[in-house]
Protein backbone atom coordinates (compact mmCIF):
# COMPACT_ATOMS: atom_id res chain seq x y z
CA UNK A 1 -10.69 17.73 18.94
CA UNK A 2 -13.95 16.24 17.75
CA UNK A 3 -14.44 12.48 17.27
CA UNK A 4 -14.64 13.09 13.52
CA UNK A 5 -11.32 14.97 13.52
CA UNK A 6 -9.61 12.17 15.44
CA UNK A 7 -11.03 9.54 13.09
CA UNK A 8 -10.06 11.59 10.03
CA UNK A 9 -6.53 12.04 11.39
CA UNK A 10 -6.03 8.29 11.82
CA UNK A 11 -7.47 7.70 8.36
CA UNK A 12 -5.13 10.18 6.68
CA UNK A 13 -2.09 8.92 8.61
CA UNK A 14 -2.81 5.31 7.62
CA UNK A 15 -3.17 6.29 3.96
CA UNK A 16 -0.04 8.42 4.14
CA UNK A 17 2.02 5.58 5.59
CA UNK A 18 0.82 3.08 2.97
CA UNK A 19 0.92 5.25 -0.15
CA UNK A 20 3.93 7.25 1.01
CA UNK A 21 5.81 4.07 1.82
CA UNK A 22 5.16 2.70 -1.66
CA UNK A 23 6.22 6.00 -3.19
CA UNK A 24 9.46 6.00 -1.20
CA UNK A 25 10.20 2.37 -2.08
CA UNK A 26 9.43 2.82 -5.78
CA UNK A 27 10.90 6.26 -6.44
CA UNK A 28 13.79 6.49 -3.95
CA UNK A 29 14.90 3.18 -2.46
CA UNK A 30 14.61 1.04 -5.61
CA UNK A 31 16.79 3.29 -7.82
CA UNK A 32 19.32 3.77 -5.01
CA UNK A 33 19.52 0.03 -4.36
CA UNK A 34 19.99 -0.64 -8.08
CA UNK A 35 22.87 1.84 -8.20
CA UNK A 36 24.59 0.87 -4.95
CA UNK A 37 24.09 -2.90 -4.75
CA UNK A 38 24.76 -5.91 -6.95
CA UNK A 39 22.01 -8.50 -7.48
CA UNK A 40 22.36 -10.77 -4.41
CA UNK A 41 22.80 -8.01 -1.81
CA UNK A 42 19.94 -6.06 -3.43
CA UNK A 43 17.64 -9.09 -3.19
CA UNK A 44 18.66 -9.58 0.45
CA UNK A 45 17.90 -5.92 1.15
CA UNK A 46 14.38 -6.23 -0.28
CA UNK A 47 13.85 -9.48 1.60
CA UNK A 48 14.43 -7.45 4.79
CA UNK A 49 12.56 -4.30 3.71
CA UNK A 50 9.24 -5.83 2.68
CA UNK A 51 8.33 -7.61 5.93
CA UNK A 52 9.16 -4.49 7.95
CA UNK A 53 7.04 -2.29 5.69
CA UNK A 54 4.22 -4.83 5.48
CA UNK A 55 3.67 -4.63 9.25
CA UNK A 56 2.75 -0.98 8.71
CA UNK A 57 0.65 -1.80 5.65
CA UNK A 58 -1.35 -4.34 7.66
CA UNK A 59 -1.94 -1.66 10.27
CA UNK A 60 -3.17 0.67 7.52
CA UNK A 61 -5.35 -2.11 6.07
CA UNK A 62 -7.04 -2.37 9.48
CA UNK A 63 -7.27 1.34 10.29
CA UNK A 64 -8.53 2.55 6.89
CA UNK A 65 -11.83 0.64 6.78
CA UNK A 66 -12.53 1.17 10.49
CA UNK A 67 -11.90 4.90 10.29
CA UNK A 68 -13.56 5.12 6.87
CA UNK A 69 -16.77 3.48 8.06
CA UNK A 70 -16.63 5.61 11.20
CA UNK A 71 -16.41 8.80 9.15
CA UNK A 72 -19.10 7.50 6.83
CA UNK A 73 -21.46 7.03 9.76
CA UNK A 74 -20.59 10.36 11.39
CA UNK A 75 -20.76 12.45 8.25
CA UNK A 76 -23.32 10.76 5.98
CA UNK A 77 -25.33 8.57 8.34
CA UNK A 78 -24.47 5.35 6.52
CA UNK A 79 -23.71 3.73 3.19
CA UNK A 80 -27.05 4.60 1.60
CA UNK A 81 -26.37 8.33 1.62
CA UNK A 82 -22.65 8.20 0.90
CA UNK A 83 -21.59 10.24 -2.13
CA UNK A 84 -20.02 8.62 -5.18
CA UNK A 85 -16.45 9.61 -4.24
CA UNK A 86 -16.74 7.59 -1.02
CA UNK A 87 -17.89 4.56 -2.98
CA UNK A 88 -14.99 5.00 -5.43
CA UNK A 89 -12.50 5.25 -2.56
CA UNK A 90 -13.92 2.11 -0.95
CA UNK A 91 -13.66 0.18 -4.21
CA UNK A 92 -10.09 1.30 -4.79
CA UNK A 93 -9.23 0.30 -1.21
CA UNK A 94 -10.43 -3.23 -2.00
CA UNK A 95 -8.24 -3.29 -5.13
CA UNK A 96 -5.21 -2.05 -3.17
CA UNK A 97 -5.76 -4.59 -0.43
CA UNK A 98 -6.10 -7.45 -2.93
CA UNK A 99 -2.85 -6.44 -4.65
CA UNK A 100 -1.08 -6.16 -1.30
CA UNK A 101 -2.30 -9.58 -0.17
CA UNK A 102 -1.11 -11.05 -3.47
CA UNK A 103 2.38 -9.65 -2.90
CA UNK A 104 2.42 -10.70 0.76
CA UNK A 105 1.12 -14.21 0.28
CA UNK A 106 2.51 -15.21 -3.13
CA UNK A 107 5.42 -13.09 -4.31
CA UNK A 108 7.20 -12.43 -1.00
CA UNK A 109 7.50 -16.15 -0.13
CA UNK A 110 8.93 -16.76 -3.62
CA UNK A 111 11.51 -14.02 -3.06
CA UNK A 112 12.38 -15.41 0.37
CA UNK A 113 12.76 -18.98 -0.96
CA UNK A 114 14.92 -17.84 -3.85
CA UNK A 115 17.22 -15.79 -1.62
CA UNK A 116 17.56 -18.62 0.90
CA UNK A 117 18.41 -21.03 -1.93
CA UNK A 118 20.71 -18.43 -3.49
CA UNK A 119 18.77 -18.81 -6.72
CA UNK A 120 19.44 -15.27 -7.87
CA UNK A 121 17.60 -15.45 -11.23
CA UNK A 122 14.45 -16.71 -9.49
CA UNK A 123 14.86 -14.02 -6.83
CA UNK A 124 15.22 -11.34 -9.49
CA UNK A 125 12.08 -12.63 -11.22
CA UNK A 126 10.13 -12.62 -7.94
CA UNK A 127 11.35 -9.10 -7.16
CA UNK A 128 10.32 -7.99 -10.65
CA UNK A 129 6.78 -9.28 -10.04
CA UNK A 130 6.68 -7.52 -6.67
CA UNK A 131 7.95 -4.31 -8.25
CA UNK A 132 5.25 -4.43 -10.92
CA UNK A 133 2.44 -5.06 -8.41
CA UNK A 134 3.72 -2.36 -6.05
CA UNK A 135 3.88 0.04 -9.00
CA UNK A 136 0.26 -0.72 -9.89
CA UNK A 137 -0.75 -0.39 -6.25
CA UNK A 138 1.08 2.93 -6.00
CA UNK A 139 -0.86 4.24 -9.01
CA UNK A 140 -4.15 3.09 -7.45
CA UNK A 141 -3.14 4.68 -4.13
CA UNK A 142 -2.31 7.97 -5.82
CA UNK A 143 -5.69 7.81 -7.57
CA UNK A 144 -7.39 7.39 -4.18
CA UNK A 145 -5.52 10.45 -2.91
CA UNK A 146 -6.62 12.40 -6.00
CA UNK A 147 -10.24 11.34 -5.48
CA UNK A 148 -10.06 12.39 -1.82
CA UNK A 149 -8.48 15.74 -2.71
CA UNK A 150 -11.09 16.42 -5.40
CA UNK A 151 -14.06 15.37 -3.29
CA UNK A 152 -15.75 18.79 -2.99
CA UNK A 153 -16.07 18.92 -6.78
CA UNK A 154 -16.43 15.19 -7.48
């Protein structure tokens, strides 16, 4: 395996874990939790799910720029000669990271505080904000995947 192939593999796996995890949470786990659990147990479930998933997201947040810059150097010789699709992907990565940090640093502590205080309306409101931001981030992540898939014709 070439150094580029190894770097590309780590890059794709990191993106797959992050975007795939959001897709699973949004499209599978959220509807199932809404059907199977009442409000307080559902909030407690999400309070446990997010920190476990966010460990993997942080790993992706570290791997993606390292592997991306590595591929950029190996394939294009630097930022100056990078094609437009690479620049678009880098910009969307920044947007995704900002949204993730907002959820991690602002909304998740609000959810945790509400659940610990058994303030279920506040917890539901915090979860609603998280759900909205994760939905936006999922759309941005899927756009990044589409840009990457369309790169030969971009």
